[in-house]
Amino acid sequence: MDKFIHSNSAQDQRKRLLDYLRTHGSIDTITARRELDILMPAARLHELRHKFGHRIDTVRTKQPTECGKLHTVAKYVLLGEVQS
């Protein structure tokens, strides 16, 4: 993923998120914020599920933040995509 991100429109955030899921299969909240510059990944995932029909599961996991504190975060797993 390019470190320089051109737009933070909801559409571009959804595209970055879906591209990441297609490549890696899953993403957690911390990674979405840090690497994709998506501050509210749950909102973008909701849109991908309910507006665009992608099958994405949410799994709770514990993960340390950059300051080392352990948090329960969401891990989003791509199960299937809308057939075009």
PDB file of N, CA and C in Angstrom:
ATOM      1  N   MET A   1       0.852  -1.170   0.000  1.00  0.00           N
ATOM      2  CA  MET A   1       0.000   0.000   0.000  1.00  0.00           C
ATOM      3  C   MET A   1       0.893   1.227   0.000  1.00  0.00           C
ATOM      4  N   ASP A   2       0.581   2.167  -0.860  1.00  0.00           N
ATOM      5  CA  ASP A   2       1.325   3.421  -0.877  1.00  0.00           C
ATOM      6  C   ASP A   2       1.156   4.134   0.440  1.00  0.00           C
ATOM      7  N   LYS A   3       2.246   4.689   0.946  1.00  0.00           N
ATOM      8  CA  LYS A   3       2.164   5.468   2.182  1.00  0.00           C
ATOM      9  C   LYS A   3       1.484   6.815   1.923  1.00  0.00           C
ATOM     10  N   PHE A   4       1.551   7.315   0.687  1.00  0.00           N
ATOM     11  CA  PHE A   4       0.905   8.578   0.357  1.00  0.00           C
ATOM     12  C   PHE A   4      -0.489   8.273  -0.153  1.00  0.00           C
ATOM     13  N   ILE A   5      -1.471   8.745   0.570  1.00  0.00           N
ATOM     14  CA  ILE A   5      -2.860   8.475   0.218  1.00  0.00           C
ATOM     15  C   ILE A   5      -3.476   9.765  -0.294  1.00  0.00           C
ATOM     16  N   HIS A   6      -4.087   9.720  -1.464  1.00  0.00           N
ATOM     17  CA  HIS A   6      -4.553  10.921  -2.134  1.00  0.00           C
ATOM     18  C   HIS A   6      -5.868  11.461  -1.604  1.00  0.00           C
ATOM     19  N   SER A   7      -6.769  10.634  -1.140  1.00  0.00           N
ATOM     20  CA  SER A   7      -8.088  11.123  -0.768  1.00  0.00           C
ATOM     21  C   SER A   7      -8.622  10.357   0.438  1.00  0.00           C
ATOM     22  N   ASN A   8      -9.352  11.057   1.264  1.00  0.00           N
ATOM     23  CA  ASN A   8     -10.016  10.409   2.387  1.00  0.00           C
ATOM     24  C   ASN A   8     -11.522  10.386   2.225  1.00  0.00           C
ATOM     25  N   SER A   9     -12.001  10.465   0.991  1.00  0.00           N
ATOM     26  CA  SER A   9     -13.437  10.319   0.769  1.00  0.00           C
ATOM     27  C   SER A   9     -13.855   8.917   1.205  1.00  0.00           C
ATOM     28  N   ALA A  10     -15.105   8.771   1.586  1.00  0.00           N
ATOM     29  CA  ALA A  10     -15.610   7.460   1.994  1.00  0.00           C
ATOM     30  C   ALA A  10     -15.405   6.438   0.879  1.00  0.00           C
ATOM     31  N   GLN A  11     -15.617   6.852  -0.362  1.00  0.00           N
ATOM     32  CA  GLN A  11     -15.442   5.952  -1.500  1.00  0.00           C
ATOM     33  C   GLN A  11     -13.999   5.459  -1.589  1.00  0.00           C
ATOM     34  N   ASP A  12     -13.034   6.358  -1.462  1.00  0.00           N
ATOM     35  CA  ASP A  12     -11.628   5.958  -1.543  1.00  0.00           C
ATOM     36  C   ASP A  12     -11.215   5.109  -0.342  1.00  0.00           C
ATOM     37  N   GLN A  13     -11.762   5.408   0.825  1.00  0.00           N
ATOM     38  CA  GLN A  13     -11.471   4.582   1.997  1.00  0.00           C
ATOM     39  C   GLN A  13     -12.012   3.166   1.813  1.00  0.00           C
ATOM     40  N   ARG A  14     -13.232   3.059   1.286  1.00  0.00           N
ATOM     41  CA  ARG A  14     -13.801   1.724   1.013  1.00  0.00           C
ATOM     42  C   ARG A  14     -12.935   0.970   0.022  1.00  0.00           C
ATOM     43  N   LYS A  15     -12.457   1.662  -1.012  1.00  0.00           N
ATOM     44  CA  LYS A  15     -11.611   1.011  -2.019  1.00  0.00           C
ATOM     45  C   LYS A  15     -10.309   0.506  -1.391  1.00  0.00           C
ATOM     46  N   ARG A  16      -9.656   1.346  -0.590  1.00  0.00           N
ATOM     47  CA  ARG A  16      -8.414   0.918   0.069  1.00  0.00           C
ATOM     48  C   ARG A  16      -8.667  -0.285   0.975  1.00  0.00           C
ATOM     49  N   LEU A  17      -9.760  -0.246   1.708  1.00  0.00           N
ATOM     50  CA  LEU A  17     -10.096  -1.324   2.623  1.00  0.00           C
ATOM     51  C   LEU A  17     -10.381  -2.622   1.876  1.00  0.00           C
ATOM     52  N   LEU A  18     -11.186  -2.542   0.829  1.00  0.00           N
ATOM     53  CA  LEU A  18     -11.514  -3.740   0.054  1.00  0.00           C
ATOM     54  C   LEU A  18     -10.282  -4.288  -0.661  1.00  0.00           C
ATOM     55  N   ASP A  19      -9.438  -3.420  -1.202  1.00  0.00           N
ATOM     56  CA  ASP A  19      -8.192  -3.875  -1.834  1.00  0.00           C
ATOM     57  C   ASP A  19      -7.314  -4.610  -0.827  1.00  0.00           C
ATOM     58  N   TYR A  20      -7.219  -4.083   0.373  1.00  0.00           N
ATOM     59  CA  TYR A  20      -6.415  -4.722   1.420  1.00  0.00           C
ATOM     60  C   TYR A  20      -7.000  -6.086   1.774  1.00  0.00           C
ATOM     61  N   LEU A  21      -8.314  -6.145   1.950  1.00  0.00           N
ATOM     62  CA  LEU A  21      -8.961  -7.413   2.274  1.00  0.00           C
ATOM     63  C   LEU A  21      -8.766  -8.440   1.168  1.00  0.00           C
ATOM     64  N   ARG A  22      -8.850  -8.005  -0.072  1.00  0.00           N
ATOM     65  CA  ARG A  22      -8.635  -8.927  -1.197  1.00  0.00           C
ATOM     66  C   ARG A  22      -7.214  -9.485  -1.195  1.00  0.00           C
ATOM     67  N   THR A  23      -6.264  -8.674  -0.833  1.00  0.00           N
ATOM     68  CA  THR A  23      -4.859  -9.086  -0.838  1.00  0.00           C
ATOM     69  C   THR A  23      -4.490  -9.919   0.386  1.00  0.00           C
ATOM     70  N   HIS A  24      -4.976  -9.514   1.561  1.00  0.00           N
ATOM     71  CA  HIS A  24      -4.529 -10.124   2.813  1.00  0.00           C
ATOM     72  C   HIS A  24      -5.579 -11.012   3.474  1.00  0.00           C
ATOM     73  N   GLY A  25      -6.835 -10.893   3.072  1.00  0.00           N
ATOM     74  CA  GLY A  25      -7.887 -11.723   3.641  1.00  0.00           C
ATOM     75  C   GLY A  25      -8.539 -11.159   4.880  1.00  0.00           C
ATOM     76  N   SER A  26      -7.790 -10.375   5.650  1.00  0.00           N
ATOM     77  CA  SER A  26      -8.348  -9.780   6.862  1.00  0.00           C
ATOM     78  C   SER A  26      -7.569  -8.523   7.229  1.00  0.00           C
ATOM     79  N   ILE A  27      -8.178  -7.727   8.108  1.00  0.00           N
ATOM     80  CA  ILE A  27      -7.537  -6.526   8.630  1.00  0.00           C
ATOM     81  C   ILE A  27      -8.148  -6.221   9.984  1.00  0.00           C
ATOM     82  N   ASP A  28      -7.344  -5.680  10.887  1.00  0.00           N
ATOM     83  CA  ASP A  28      -7.869  -5.274  12.190  1.00  0.00           C
ATOM     84  C   ASP A  28      -7.985  -3.757  12.245  1.00  0.00           C
ATOM     85  N   THR A  29      -8.678  -3.282  13.255  1.00  0.00           N
ATOM     86  CA  THR A  29      -8.938  -1.852  13.401  1.00  0.00           C
ATOM     87  C   THR A  29      -7.654  -1.041  13.453  1.00  0.00           C
ATOM     88  N   ILE A  30      -6.691  -1.494  14.215  1.00  0.00           N
ATOM     89  CA  ILE A  30      -5.440  -0.746  14.380  1.00  0.00           C
ATOM     90  C   ILE A  30      -4.695  -0.630  13.053  1.00  0.00           C
ATOM     91  N   THR A  31      -4.625  -1.712  12.299  1.00  0.00           N
ATOM     92  CA  THR A  31      -3.944  -1.689  11.000  1.00  0.00           C
ATOM     93  C   THR A  31      -4.671  -0.787  10.020  1.00  0.00           C
ATOM     94  N   ALA A  32      -5.996  -0.836  10.010  1.00  0.00           N
ATOM     95  CA  ALA A  32      -6.769   0.024   9.101  1.00  0.00           C
ATOM     96  C   ALA A  32      -6.502   1.495   9.385  1.00  0.00           C
ATOM     97  N   ARG A  33      -6.414   1.833  10.652  1.00  0.00           N
ATOM     98  CA  ARG A  33      -6.138   3.228  11.008  1.00  0.00           C
ATOM     99  C   ARG A  33      -4.716   3.626  10.658  1.00  0.00           C
ATOM    100  N   ARG A  34      -3.765   2.784  11.023  1.00  0.00           N
ATOM    101  CA  ARG A  34      -2.346   3.112  10.850  1.00  0.00           C
ATOM    102  C   ARG A  34      -1.901   3.043   9.391  1.00  0.00           C
ATOM    103  N   GLU A  35      -2.244   1.969   8.701  1.00  0.00           N
ATOM    104  CA  GLU A  35      -1.710   1.753   7.355  1.00  0.00           C
ATOM    105  C   GLU A  35      -2.586   2.305   6.239  1.00  0.00           C
ATOM    106  N   LEU A  36      -3.891   2.374   6.470  1.00  0.00           N
ATOM    107  CA  LEU A  36      -4.799   2.816   5.409  1.00  0.00           C
ATOM    108  C   LEU A  36      -5.364   4.209   5.660  1.00  0.00           C
ATOM    109  N   ASP A  37      -5.045   4.788   6.815  1.00  0.00           N
ATOM    110  CA  ASP A  37      -5.527   6.121   7.185  1.00  0.00           C
ATOM    111  C   ASP A  37      -7.058   6.184   7.192  1.00  0.00           C
ATOM    112  N   ILE A  38      -7.663   5.137   7.742  1.00  0.00           N
ATOM    113  CA  ILE A  38      -9.119   5.078   7.891  1.00  0.00           C
ATOM    114  C   ILE A  38      -9.406   5.141   9.385  1.00  0.00           C
ATOM    115  N   LEU A  39      -9.860   6.293   9.862  1.00  0.00           N
ATOM    116  CA  LEU A  39     -10.035   6.488  11.289  1.00  0.00           C
ATOM    117  C   LEU A  39     -11.260   5.783  11.846  1.00  0.00           C
ATOM    118  N   MET A  40     -12.277   5.548  11.000  1.00  0.00           N
ATOM    119  CA  MET A  40     -13.488   4.837  11.437  1.00  0.00           C
ATOM    120  C   MET A  40     -13.731   3.626  10.538  1.00  0.00           C
ATOM    121  N   PRO A  41     -12.875   2.608  10.653  1.00  0.00           N
ATOM    122  CA  PRO A  41     -13.024   1.453   9.765  1.00  0.00           C
ATOM    123  C   PRO A  41     -14.366   0.739   9.910  1.00  0.00           C
ATOM    124  N   ALA A  42     -14.960   0.748  11.104  1.00  0.00           N
ATOM    125  CA  ALA A  42     -16.252   0.064  11.283  1.00  0.00           C
ATOM    126  C   ALA A  42     -17.323   0.667  10.375  1.00  0.00           C
ATOM    127  N   ALA A  43     -17.289   1.980  10.193  1.00  0.00           N
ATOM    128  CA  ALA A  43     -18.271   2.631   9.310  1.00  0.00           C
ATOM    129  C   ALA A  43     -18.074   2.196   7.863  1.00  0.00           C
ATOM    130  N   ARG A  44     -16.832   2.137   7.425  1.00  0.00           N
ATOM    131  CA  ARG A  44     -16.564   1.713   6.041  1.00  0.00           C
ATOM    132  C   ARG A  44     -16.929   0.242   5.847  1.00  0.00           C
ATOM    133  N   LEU A  45     -16.687  -0.598   6.859  1.00  0.00           N
ATOM    134  CA  LEU A  45     -17.060  -2.011   6.768  1.00  0.00           C
ATOM    135  C   LEU A  45     -18.572  -2.166   6.724  1.00  0.00           C
ATOM    136  N   HIS A  46     -19.276  -1.371   7.501  1.00  0.00           N
ATOM    137  CA  HIS A  46     -20.742  -1.400   7.485  1.00  0.00           C
ATOM    138  C   HIS A  46     -21.251  -1.090   6.080  1.00  0.00           C
ATOM    139  N   GLU A  47     -20.667  -0.081   5.444  1.00  0.00           N
ATOM    140  CA  GLU A  47     -21.071   0.279   4.085  1.00  0.00           C
ATOM    141  C   GLU A  47     -20.756  -0.849   3.101  1.00  0.00           C
ATOM    142  N   LEU A  48     -19.560  -1.445   3.214  1.00  0.00           N
ATOM    143  CA  LEU A  48     -19.207  -2.544   2.310  1.00  0.00           C
ATOM    144  C   LEU A  48     -20.175  -3.713   2.458  1.00  0.00           C
ATOM    145  N   ARG A  49     -20.610  -3.966   3.680  1.00  0.00           N
ATOM    146  CA  ARG A  49     -21.552  -5.062   3.922  1.00  0.00           C
ATOM    147  C   ARG A  49     -22.963  -4.719   3.443  1.00  0.00           C
ATOM    148  N   HIS A  50     -23.479  -3.605   3.933  1.00  0.00           N
ATOM    149  CA  HIS A  50     -24.915  -3.322   3.788  1.00  0.00           C
ATOM    150  C   HIS A  50     -25.288  -2.542   2.530  1.00  0.00           C
ATOM    151  N   LYS A  51     -24.390  -1.741   2.011  1.00  0.00           N
ATOM    152  CA  LYS A  51     -24.675  -1.014   0.772  1.00  0.00           C
ATOM    153  C   LYS A  51     -24.193  -1.773  -0.457  1.00  0.00           C
ATOM    154  N   PHE A  52     -23.103  -2.535  -0.283  1.00  0.00           N
ATOM    155  CA  PHE A  52     -22.478  -3.165  -1.442  1.00  0.00           C
ATOM    156  C   PHE A  52     -22.514  -4.689  -1.397  1.00  0.00           C
ATOM    157  N   GLY A  53     -22.991  -5.281  -0.312  1.00  0.00           N
ATOM    158  CA  GLY A  53     -23.252  -6.713  -0.249  1.00  0.00           C
ATOM    159  C   GLY A  53     -22.067  -7.631  -0.048  1.00  0.00           C
ATOM    160  N   HIS A  54     -20.920  -7.110   0.348  1.00  0.00           N
ATOM    161  CA  HIS A  54     -19.765  -7.977   0.594  1.00  0.00           C
ATOM    162  C   HIS A  54     -19.962  -8.733   1.896  1.00  0.00           C
ATOM    163  N   ARG A  55     -19.507  -9.978   1.910  1.00  0.00           N
ATOM    164  CA  ARG A  55     -19.609 -10.813   3.108  1.00  0.00           C
ATOM    165  C   ARG A  55     -18.318 -10.664   3.911  1.00  0.00           C
ATOM    166  N   ILE A  56     -18.418  -9.951   5.026  1.00  0.00           N
ATOM    167  CA  ILE A  56     -17.260  -9.676   5.865  1.00  0.00           C
ATOM    168  C   ILE A  56     -17.644  -9.987   7.302  1.00  0.00           C
ATOM    169  N   ASP A  57     -16.889 -10.867   7.933  1.00  0.00           N
ATOM    170  CA  ASP A  57     -17.161 -11.263   9.311  1.00  0.00           C
ATOM    171  C   ASP A  57     -16.307 -10.422  10.262  1.00  0.00           C
ATOM    172  N   THR A  58     -16.785 -10.264  11.484  1.00  0.00           N
ATOM    173  CA  THR A  58     -16.039  -9.564  12.524  1.00  0.00           C
ATOM    174  C   THR A  58     -15.681 -10.546  13.619  1.00  0.00           C
ATOM    175  N   VAL A  59     -14.402 -10.582  13.965  1.00  0.00           N
ATOM    176  CA  VAL A  59     -13.899 -11.434  15.027  1.00  0.00           C
ATOM    177  C   VAL A  59     -13.195 -10.526  16.030  1.00  0.00           C
ATOM    178  N   ARG A  60     -13.460 -10.704  17.297  1.00  0.00           N
ATOM    179  CA  ARG A  60     -12.779  -9.918  18.332  1.00  0.00           C
ATOM    180  C   ARG A  60     -11.445 -10.569  18.661  1.00  0.00           C
ATOM    181  N   THR A  61     -10.416  -9.740  18.792  1.00  0.00           N
ATOM    182  CA  THR A  61      -9.075 -10.224  19.092  1.00  0.00           C
ATOM    183  C   THR A  61      -8.375  -9.228  19.999  1.00  0.00           C
ATOM    184  N   LYS A  62      -7.396  -9.667  20.730  1.00  0.00           N
ATOM    185  CA  LYS A  62      -6.607  -8.766  21.572  1.00  0.00           C
ATOM    186  C   LYS A  62      -5.311  -8.440  20.840  1.00  0.00           C
ATOM    187  N   GLN A  63      -4.972  -7.153  20.875  1.00  0.00           N
ATOM    188  CA  GLN A  63      -3.787  -6.702  20.144  1.00  0.00           C
ATOM    189  C   GLN A  63      -3.218  -5.466  20.845  1.00  0.00           C
ATOM    190  N   PRO A  64      -1.882  -5.372  20.913  1.00  0.00           N
ATOM    191  CA  PRO A  64      -1.301  -4.176  21.523  1.00  0.00           C
ATOM    192  C   PRO A  64      -1.324  -2.992  20.563  1.00  0.00           C
ATOM    193  N   THR A  65      -1.522  -1.801  21.119  1.00  0.00           N
ATOM    194  CA  THR A  65      -1.410  -0.580  20.331  1.00  0.00           C
ATOM    195  C   THR A  65       0.070  -0.205  20.247  1.00  0.00           C
ATOM    196  N   GLU A  66       0.362   0.894  19.569  1.00  0.00           N
ATOM    197  CA  GLU A  66       1.752   1.318  19.426  1.00  0.00           C
ATOM    198  C   GLU A  66       2.396   1.661  20.764  1.00  0.00           C
ATOM    199  N   CYS A  67       1.599   2.062  21.750  1.00  0.00           N
ATOM    200  CA  CYS A  67       2.169   2.369  23.064  1.00  0.00           C
ATOM    201  C   CYS A  67       2.254   1.123  23.949  1.00  0.00           C
ATOM    202  N   GLY A  68       1.875  -0.034  23.401  1.00  0.00           N
ATOM    203  CA  GLY A  68       2.067  -1.296  24.099  1.00  0.00           C
ATOM    204  C   GLY A  68       0.901  -1.769  24.950  1.00  0.00           C
ATOM    205  N   LYS A  69      -0.189  -1.033  24.991  1.00  0.00           N
ATOM    206  CA  LYS A  69      -1.345  -1.461  25.783  1.00  0.00           C
ATOM    207  C   LYS A  69      -2.202  -2.431  24.985  1.00  0.00           C
ATOM    208  N   LEU A  70      -2.633  -3.485  25.659  1.00  0.00           N
ATOM    209  CA  LEU A  70      -3.448  -4.514  25.018  1.00  0.00           C
ATOM    210  C   LEU A  70      -4.902  -4.068  24.969  1.00  0.00           C
ATOM    211  N   HIS A  71      -5.505  -4.163  23.797  1.00  0.00           N
ATOM    212  CA  HIS A  71      -6.893  -3.774  23.584  1.00  0.00           C
ATOM    213  C   HIS A  71      -7.625  -4.890  22.850  1.00  0.00           C
ATOM    214  N   THR A  72      -8.912  -4.996  23.091  1.00  0.00           N
ATOM    215  CA  THR A  72      -9.752  -5.866  22.276  1.00  0.00           C
ATOM    216  C   THR A  72     -10.171  -5.055  21.062  1.00  0.00           C
ATOM    217  N   VAL A  73      -9.839  -5.563  19.882  1.00  0.00           N
ATOM    218  CA  VAL A  73     -10.141  -4.857  18.638  1.00  0.00           C
ATOM    219  C   VAL A  73     -10.864  -5.802  17.694  1.00  0.00           C
ATOM    220  N   ALA A  74     -11.495  -5.212  16.695  1.00  0.00           N
ATOM    221  CA  ALA A  74     -12.168  -6.002  15.673  1.00  0.00           C
ATOM    222  C   ALA A  74     -11.181  -6.416  14.591  1.00  0.00           C
ATOM    223  N   LYS A  75     -11.295  -7.656  14.166  1.00  0.00           N
ATOM    224  CA  LYS A  75     -10.569  -8.149  13.002  1.00  0.00           C
ATOM    225  C   LYS A  75     -11.635  -8.498  11.978  1.00  0.00           C
ATOM    226  N   TYR A  76     -11.521  -7.905  10.795  1.00  0.00           N
ATOM    227  CA  TYR A  76     -12.502  -8.095   9.737  1.00  0.00           C
ATOM    228  C   TYR A  76     -11.968  -9.090   8.716  1.00  0.00           C
ATOM    229  N   VAL A  77     -12.774 -10.095   8.415  1.00  0.00           N
ATOM    230  CA  VAL A  77     -12.354 -11.192   7.535  1.00  0.00           C
ATOM    231  C   VAL A  77     -13.274 -11.210   6.315  1.00  0.00           C
ATOM    232  N   LEU A  78     -12.685 -11.122   5.134  1.00  0.00           N
ATOM    233  CA  LEU A  78     -13.461 -11.176   3.895  1.00  0.00           C
ATOM    234  C   LEU A  78     -13.853 -12.618   3.603  1.00  0.00           C
ATOM    235  N   LEU A  79     -15.154 -12.874   3.583  1.00  0.00           N
ATOM    236  CA  LEU A  79     -15.675 -14.215   3.319  1.00  0.00           C
ATOM    237  C   LEU A  79     -16.125 -14.382   1.881  1.00  0.00           C
ATOM    238  N   GLY A  80     -16.582 -13.309   1.264  1.00  0.00           N
ATOM    239  CA  GLY A  80     -17.053 -13.383  -0.105  1.00  0.00           C
ATOM    240  C   GLY A  80     -17.417 -12.001  -0.626  1.00  0.00           C
ATOM    241  N   GLU A  81     -17.405 -11.891  -1.934  1.00  0.00           N
ATOM    242  CA  GLU A  81     -17.697 -10.617  -2.581  1.00  0.00           C
ATOM    243  C   GLU A  81     -18.941 -10.724  -3.441  1.00  0.00           C
ATOM    244  N   VAL A  82     -19.493  -9.577  -3.720  1.00  0.00           N
ATOM    245  CA  VAL A  82     -20.623  -9.480  -4.632  1.00  0.00           C
ATOM    246  C   VAL A  82     -20.159  -9.901  -6.015  1.00  0.00           C
ATOM    247  N   GLN A  83     -20.925 -10.725  -6.686  1.00  0.00           N
ATOM    248  CA  GLN A  83     -20.591 -11.135  -8.042  1.00  0.00           C
ATOM    249  C   GLN A  83     -21.092 -10.081  -9.023  1.00  0.00           C
ATOM    250  N   SER A  84     -20.192  -9.574  -9.840  1.00  0.00           N
ATOM    251  CA  SER A  84     -20.577  -8.541 -10.827  1.00  0.00           C
ATOM    252  C   SER A  84     -21.168  -9.149 -12.064  1.00  0.00           C
TER     253      SER A  84
END
